[in-house]
Protein backbone atom coordinates (compact mmCIF):
# COMPACT_ATOMS: atom_id res chain seq x y z
CA UNK A 1 -27.20 -0.10 -11.12
CA UNK A 2 -30.56 -1.18 -9.78
CA UNK A 3 -32.01 -1.52 -12.90
CA UNK A 4 -29.03 -3.95 -14.18
CA UNK A 5 -29.42 -5.58 -11.15
CA UNK A 6 -32.99 -6.49 -11.21
CA UNK A 7 -33.89 -4.63 -7.90
CA UNK A 8 -35.61 -1.69 -6.91
CA UNK A 9 -33.09 1.10 -5.60
CA UNK A 10 -33.88 0.57 -1.86
CA UNK A 11 -33.23 -3.34 -2.06
CA UNK A 12 -29.87 -2.72 -3.98
CA UNK A 13 -29.06 -0.41 -1.35
CA UNK A 14 -29.47 -2.78 1.56
CA UNK A 15 -28.19 -5.96 -0.30
CA UNK A 16 -25.20 -3.78 -1.24
CA UNK A 17 -24.58 -2.32 2.22
CA UNK A 18 -25.15 -5.69 4.06
CA UNK A 19 -21.99 -6.74 1.91
CA UNK A 20 -19.79 -3.27 2.14
CA UNK A 21 -19.69 -0.53 4.58
CA UNK A 22 -20.85 1.67 1.86
CA UNK A 23 -23.60 2.91 -0.28
CA UNK A 24 -23.53 1.75 -3.96
CA UNK A 25 -22.88 5.41 -5.20
CA UNK A 26 -20.25 5.71 -2.80
CA UNK A 27 -18.75 2.47 -4.48
CA UNK A 28 -19.03 3.74 -8.02
CA UNK A 29 -17.33 7.25 -7.00
CA UNK A 30 -14.53 5.81 -5.50
CA UNK A 31 -14.16 3.30 -8.23
CA UNK A 32 -13.96 5.78 -10.66
CA UNK A 33 -11.65 8.34 -8.58
CA UNK A 34 -9.32 5.17 -8.33
CA UNK A 35 -9.26 4.88 -12.24
CA UNK A 36 -8.44 8.49 -12.24
CA UNK A 37 -5.86 8.23 -9.98
CA UNK A 38 -4.10 5.74 -12.17
CA UNK A 39 -3.94 7.66 -15.48
CA UNK A 40 -1.17 9.96 -16.40
CA UNK A 41 -2.09 13.77 -16.76
CA UNK A 42 1.34 15.97 -17.03
CA UNK A 43 -0.64 19.44 -18.11
CA UNK A 44 -3.54 21.04 -16.16
CA UNK A 45 -5.48 21.05 -18.88
CA UNK A 46 -5.29 17.21 -19.01
CA UNK A 47 -7.07 16.77 -15.51
CA UNK A 48 -10.14 18.01 -16.71
CA UNK A 49 -9.86 15.01 -19.73
CA UNK A 50 -9.01 12.73 -16.89
CA UNK A 51 -12.28 13.61 -15.16
CA UNK A 52 -14.56 13.51 -18.40
CA UNK A 53 -12.74 9.67 -19.00
CA UNK A 54 -13.94 8.36 -15.60
CA UNK A 55 -17.71 9.86 -15.88
CA UNK A 56 -17.64 13.29 -14.81
CA UNK A 57 -19.06 16.08 -16.84
CA UNK A 58 -18.16 18.88 -14.29
CA UNK A 59 -14.77 19.46 -13.55
CA UNK A 60 -15.25 21.12 -10.20
CA UNK A 61 -17.16 18.27 -9.23
CA UNK A 62 -14.62 15.91 -10.25
CA UNK A 63 -11.53 18.07 -8.40
CA UNK A 64 -14.02 18.12 -5.00
CA UNK A 65 -14.11 14.58 -4.85
CA UNK A 66 -11.25 13.56 -5.85
CA UNK A 67 -9.68 16.31 -3.02
CA UNK A 68 -12.31 14.55 -0.39
CA UNK A 69 -11.02 11.20 -1.14
CA UNK A 70 -7.22 11.44 -1.52
CA UNK A 71 -6.68 14.75 0.34
CA UNK A 72 -4.97 16.63 -2.57
CA UNK A 73 -5.88 17.92 -6.11
CA UNK A 74 -5.67 15.60 -8.85
CA UNK A 75 -2.54 17.53 -10.25
CA UNK A 76 -0.55 16.79 -7.31
CA UNK A 77 -1.42 13.18 -6.89
CA UNK A 78 -0.79 12.28 -10.21
CA UNK A 79 1.15 8.91 -10.70
CA UNK A 80 5.08 9.07 -10.00
CA UNK A 81 5.53 7.61 -13.72
CA UNK A 82 3.89 10.90 -14.90
CA UNK A 83 6.19 13.30 -13.38
CA UNK A 84 8.52 15.20 -15.20
CA UNK A 85 11.26 15.24 -12.42
CA UNK A 86 11.53 11.62 -12.49
CA UNK A 87 13.92 9.94 -14.88
CA UNK A 88 12.90 6.65 -16.61
CA UNK A 89 14.70 3.76 -15.32
CA UNK A 90 17.43 2.29 -17.45
CA UNK A 91 21.02 1.07 -17.65
């Protein structure tokens, strides 16, 4: 991020934290995890695929970060529209 913005890492960190209460890395992590939360995954193997799609090569780290941010594993917090117990809305 620092290179893309044309700043050094310390300057980016100071500038970013002056505008937000978190570090640039924490911001990027939370954006990735929010994106993952919106992706449907109906089978356990798909949780790993969701992690990869948002930039996590290590599924354990993805699961740990996800649980830390949302308080539950990815499989438990999947979108309501992806849950098999939810019938599609219709006439």
